[in-house]
């Protein structure tokens, strides 16, 4: 029963994040919503790890978190260069 509540709330979070990703008025809003979406996906992977009692999912979550962090850094650098007029 608790799993249904957790995954339902994570699904609602994904829904609102995807809405902000598509209708975000500024590029910075879209980058923040993409980072939030990545964090929710990491939460889903961690919830699956506890549901299936498998440590492999935690390894996947760690690798995904590292890649998501690098993605955020790349987008932030792009946005910084775009604001400076260097792009």
N, C-alpha and C. Protein backbone atom coordinates (compact mmCIF):
# COMPACT_ATOMS: atom_id res chain seq x y z
N UNK A 1 0.82 -1.20 0.00
CA UNK A 1 0.00 0.00 0.00
C UNK A 1 0.86 1.26 0.00
N UNK A 2 1.92 1.25 0.82
CA UNK A 2 2.79 2.42 0.90
C UNK A 2 3.52 2.65 -0.43
N UNK A 3 3.84 1.57 -1.13
CA UNK A 3 4.51 1.71 -2.42
C UNK A 3 3.64 2.45 -3.42
N UNK A 4 2.36 2.19 -3.38
CA UNK A 4 1.43 2.86 -4.30
C UNK A 4 1.41 4.36 -4.03
N UNK A 5 1.40 4.73 -2.76
CA UNK A 5 1.39 6.16 -2.40
C UNK A 5 2.69 6.83 -2.84
N UNK A 6 3.82 6.17 -2.59
CA UNK A 6 5.11 6.75 -2.94
C UNK A 6 5.24 6.94 -4.45
N UNK A 7 4.90 5.90 -5.21
CA UNK A 7 5.04 6.01 -6.66
C UNK A 7 4.01 6.97 -7.25
N UNK A 8 2.85 7.09 -6.63
CA UNK A 8 1.86 8.06 -7.09
C UNK A 8 2.36 9.49 -6.90
N UNK A 9 2.94 9.76 -5.74
CA UNK A 9 3.48 11.10 -5.49
C UNK A 9 4.67 11.41 -6.40
N UNK A 10 5.50 10.42 -6.65
CA UNK A 10 6.60 10.64 -7.58
C UNK A 10 6.09 10.88 -9.00
N UNK A 11 5.03 10.19 -9.39
CA UNK A 11 4.43 10.41 -10.70
C UNK A 11 3.83 11.80 -10.83
N UNK A 12 3.18 12.28 -9.77
CA UNK A 12 2.63 13.64 -9.78
C UNK A 12 3.77 14.66 -9.87
N UNK A 13 4.86 14.39 -9.18
CA UNK A 13 6.03 15.28 -9.26
C UNK A 13 6.60 15.33 -10.66
N UNK A 14 6.66 14.18 -11.31
CA UNK A 14 7.13 14.14 -12.70
C UNK A 14 6.19 14.92 -13.61
N UNK A 15 4.90 14.77 -13.40
CA UNK A 15 3.92 15.48 -14.23
C UNK A 15 4.11 16.99 -14.14
N UNK A 16 4.21 17.51 -12.91
CA UNK A 16 4.39 18.96 -12.75
C UNK A 16 5.73 19.43 -13.27
N UNK A 17 6.74 18.62 -13.14
CA UNK A 17 8.07 18.99 -13.63
C UNK A 17 8.11 19.03 -15.15
N UNK A 18 7.46 18.07 -15.79
CA UNK A 18 7.42 18.06 -17.25
C UNK A 18 6.61 19.23 -17.78
N UNK A 19 5.54 19.59 -17.07
CA UNK A 19 4.76 20.76 -17.48
C UNK A 19 5.64 22.01 -17.42
N UNK A 20 6.40 22.17 -16.33
CA UNK A 20 7.29 23.33 -16.22
C UNK A 20 8.40 23.28 -17.27
N UNK A 21 8.82 22.07 -17.62
CA UNK A 21 9.87 21.92 -18.63
C UNK A 21 9.39 22.43 -19.99
N UNK A 22 8.14 22.17 -20.32
CA UNK A 22 7.63 22.57 -21.63
C UNK A 22 7.14 24.01 -21.67
N UNK A 23 6.55 24.52 -20.58
CA UNK A 23 6.00 25.88 -20.64
C UNK A 23 6.83 26.89 -19.87
N UNK A 24 8.01 26.48 -19.42
CA UNK A 24 8.86 27.41 -18.68
C UNK A 24 9.14 28.64 -19.52
N UNK A 25 8.85 29.82 -18.97
CA UNK A 25 9.03 31.02 -19.80
C UNK A 25 10.50 31.32 -20.13
N UNK A 26 11.40 30.95 -19.25
CA UNK A 26 12.81 31.24 -19.51
C UNK A 26 13.60 29.94 -19.59
N UNK A 27 14.77 30.03 -20.18
CA UNK A 27 15.64 28.86 -20.30
C UNK A 27 16.12 28.38 -18.93
N UNK A 28 16.35 29.31 -18.03
CA UNK A 28 16.79 28.90 -16.68
C UNK A 28 15.71 28.10 -15.96
N UNK A 29 14.43 28.43 -16.17
CA UNK A 29 13.34 27.65 -15.58
C UNK A 29 13.34 26.23 -16.13
N UNK A 30 13.62 26.10 -17.39
CA UNK A 30 13.64 24.77 -18.01
C UNK A 30 14.82 23.94 -17.50
N UNK A 31 15.96 24.58 -17.28
CA UNK A 31 17.12 23.86 -16.76
C UNK A 31 16.86 23.39 -15.34
N UNK A 32 16.24 24.24 -14.52
CA UNK A 32 15.92 23.85 -13.15
C UNK A 32 14.91 22.72 -13.15
N UNK A 33 13.92 22.76 -14.03
CA UNK A 33 12.93 21.69 -14.07
C UNK A 33 13.55 20.38 -14.57
N UNK A 34 14.50 20.47 -15.47
CA UNK A 34 15.19 19.26 -15.93
C UNK A 34 16.02 18.65 -14.80
N UNK A 35 16.66 19.50 -14.01
CA UNK A 35 17.42 19.01 -12.87
C UNK A 35 16.49 18.38 -11.82
N UNK A 36 15.34 19.00 -11.62
CA UNK A 36 14.35 18.44 -10.69
C UNK A 36 13.84 17.10 -11.20
N UNK A 37 13.61 17.00 -12.50
CA UNK A 37 13.17 15.74 -13.09
C UNK A 37 14.22 14.65 -12.87
N UNK A 38 15.48 15.00 -13.03
CA UNK A 38 16.55 14.03 -12.79
C UNK A 38 16.56 13.56 -11.35
N UNK A 39 16.34 14.47 -10.41
CA UNK A 39 16.33 14.09 -8.99
C UNK A 39 15.14 13.18 -8.67
N UNK A 40 14.00 13.44 -9.30
CA UNK A 40 12.84 12.57 -9.09
C UNK A 40 13.09 11.18 -9.66
N UNK A 41 13.73 11.12 -10.82
CA UNK A 41 14.06 9.82 -11.42
C UNK A 41 15.03 9.05 -10.51
N UNK A 42 15.97 9.75 -9.91
CA UNK A 42 16.87 9.09 -8.96
C UNK A 42 16.09 8.56 -7.76
N UNK A 43 15.11 9.33 -7.31
CA UNK A 43 14.25 8.86 -6.22
C UNK A 43 13.45 7.63 -6.61
N UNK A 44 12.98 7.59 -7.85
CA UNK A 44 12.24 6.42 -8.33
C UNK A 44 13.15 5.19 -8.38
N UNK A 45 14.38 5.38 -8.84
CA UNK A 45 15.32 4.25 -8.89
C UNK A 45 15.63 3.76 -7.48
N UNK A 46 15.78 4.69 -6.54
CA UNK A 46 16.05 4.28 -5.15
C UNK A 46 14.84 3.57 -4.55
N UNK A 47 13.63 4.03 -4.88
CA UNK A 47 12.42 3.35 -4.40
C UNK A 47 12.31 1.95 -4.99
N UNK A 48 12.69 1.80 -6.25
CA UNK A 48 12.70 0.48 -6.87
C UNK A 48 13.73 -0.43 -6.20
N UNK A 49 14.85 0.15 -5.77
CA UNK A 49 15.86 -0.65 -5.09
C UNK A 49 15.32 -1.22 -3.79
N UNK A 50 14.55 -0.43 -3.07
CA UNK A 50 13.98 -0.94 -1.82
C UNK A 50 12.83 -1.90 -2.10
N UNK A 51 12.09 -1.65 -3.16
CA UNK A 51 10.96 -2.52 -3.49
C UNK A 51 11.43 -3.91 -3.91
N UNK A 52 12.45 -3.96 -4.75
CA UNK A 52 12.96 -5.24 -5.25
C UNK A 52 14.09 -5.81 -4.39
N UNK A 53 14.51 -5.05 -3.37
CA UNK A 53 15.60 -5.46 -2.48
C UNK A 53 16.86 -5.84 -3.26
N UNK A 54 17.24 -4.94 -4.17
CA UNK A 54 18.40 -5.17 -5.02
C UNK A 54 19.34 -3.97 -4.92
N UNK A 55 20.60 -4.25 -4.66
CA UNK A 55 21.59 -3.18 -4.56
C UNK A 55 22.05 -2.69 -5.93
N UNK A 56 21.76 -3.43 -6.97
CA UNK A 56 22.14 -3.02 -8.32
C UNK A 56 21.48 -1.70 -8.69
N UNK A 57 20.24 -1.51 -8.27
CA UNK A 57 19.53 -0.27 -8.57
C UNK A 57 20.19 0.93 -7.90
N UNK A 58 20.77 0.73 -6.74
CA UNK A 58 21.47 1.83 -6.08
C UNK A 58 22.72 2.22 -6.85
N UNK A 59 23.42 1.25 -7.41
CA UNK A 59 24.57 1.56 -8.26
C UNK A 59 24.13 2.36 -9.49
N UNK A 60 23.02 1.94 -10.06
CA UNK A 60 22.49 2.66 -11.22
C UNK A 60 22.10 4.08 -10.83
N UNK A 61 21.50 4.25 -9.65
CA UNK A 61 21.12 5.58 -9.19
C UNK A 61 22.33 6.48 -8.98
N UNK A 62 23.41 5.92 -8.47
CA UNK A 62 24.62 6.71 -8.25
C UNK A 62 25.22 7.17 -9.58
N UNK A 63 25.30 6.27 -10.55
CA UNK A 63 25.83 6.64 -11.86
C UNK A 63 24.93 7.68 -12.53
N UNK A 64 23.62 7.48 -12.42
CA UNK A 64 22.68 8.44 -13.01
C UNK A 64 22.81 9.80 -12.33
N UNK A 65 23.02 9.82 -11.02
CA UNK A 65 23.18 11.09 -10.29
C UNK A 65 24.43 11.83 -10.75
N UNK A 66 25.51 11.09 -10.97
CA UNK A 66 26.74 11.73 -11.45
C UNK A 66 26.53 12.32 -12.85
N UNK A 67 25.88 11.57 -13.72
CA UNK A 67 25.62 12.07 -15.07
C UNK A 67 24.66 13.26 -15.05
N UNK A 68 23.68 13.22 -14.17
CA UNK A 68 22.73 14.33 -14.07
C UNK A 68 23.43 15.59 -13.55
N UNK A 69 24.36 15.41 -12.62
CA UNK A 69 25.12 16.56 -12.13
C UNK A 69 25.96 17.17 -13.24
N UNK A 70 26.62 16.33 -14.02
CA UNK A 70 27.42 16.84 -15.14
C UNK A 70 26.54 17.54 -16.17
N UNK A 71 25.36 17.00 -16.40
CA UNK A 71 24.42 17.64 -17.33
C UNK A 71 24.04 19.03 -16.84
N UNK A 72 23.78 19.16 -15.56
CA UNK A 72 23.42 20.46 -15.00
C UNK A 72 24.58 21.45 -15.12
N UNK A 73 25.79 20.98 -14.89
CA UNK A 73 26.96 21.85 -15.02
C UNK A 73 27.12 22.33 -16.46
N UNK A 74 26.93 21.43 -17.41
CA UNK A 74 27.07 21.79 -18.83
C UNK A 74 26.01 22.82 -19.22
N UNK A 75 24.78 22.61 -18.81
CA UNK A 75 23.72 23.57 -19.14
C UNK A 75 23.95 24.91 -18.46
N UNK A 76 24.46 24.90 -17.23
CA UNK A 76 24.74 26.15 -16.53
C UNK A 76 25.86 26.91 -17.22
N UNK A 77 26.88 26.19 -17.65
CA UNK A 77 27.96 26.86 -18.39
C UNK A 77 27.46 27.43 -19.71
N UNK A 78 26.59 26.69 -20.38
CA UNK A 78 26.01 27.18 -21.63
C UNK A 78 25.20 28.44 -21.38
N UNK A 79 24.39 28.42 -20.33
CA UNK A 79 23.56 29.58 -20.01
C UNK A 79 24.42 30.77 -19.59
N UNK A 80 25.50 30.51 -18.88
CA UNK A 80 26.41 31.58 -18.48
C UNK A 80 27.07 32.21 -19.72
N UNK A 81 27.50 31.39 -20.66
CA UNK A 81 28.12 31.90 -21.87
C UNK A 81 27.12 32.64 -22.73
N UNK A 82 25.89 32.20 -22.74
CA UNK A 82 24.85 32.87 -23.52
C UNK A 82 24.54 34.25 -22.96
N UNK A 83 24.58 34.38 -21.63
CA UNK A 83 24.31 35.68 -21.01
C UNK A 83 25.48 36.65 -21.19
N UNK A 84 26.70 36.14 -21.31
CA UNK A 84 27.86 36.99 -21.52
C UNK A 84 28.00 37.45 -22.96
N UNK A 85 27.29 36.82 -23.86
CA UNK A 85 27.40 37.16 -25.26
C UNK A 85 28.54 36.45 -25.96
N UNK A 86 29.10 35.40 -25.36
CA UNK A 86 30.23 34.68 -25.93
C UNK A 86 29.83 33.49 -26.77
N UNK A 87 28.55 33.22 -26.91
CA UNK A 87 28.17 32.04 -27.65
C UNK A 87 27.96 32.31 -29.06
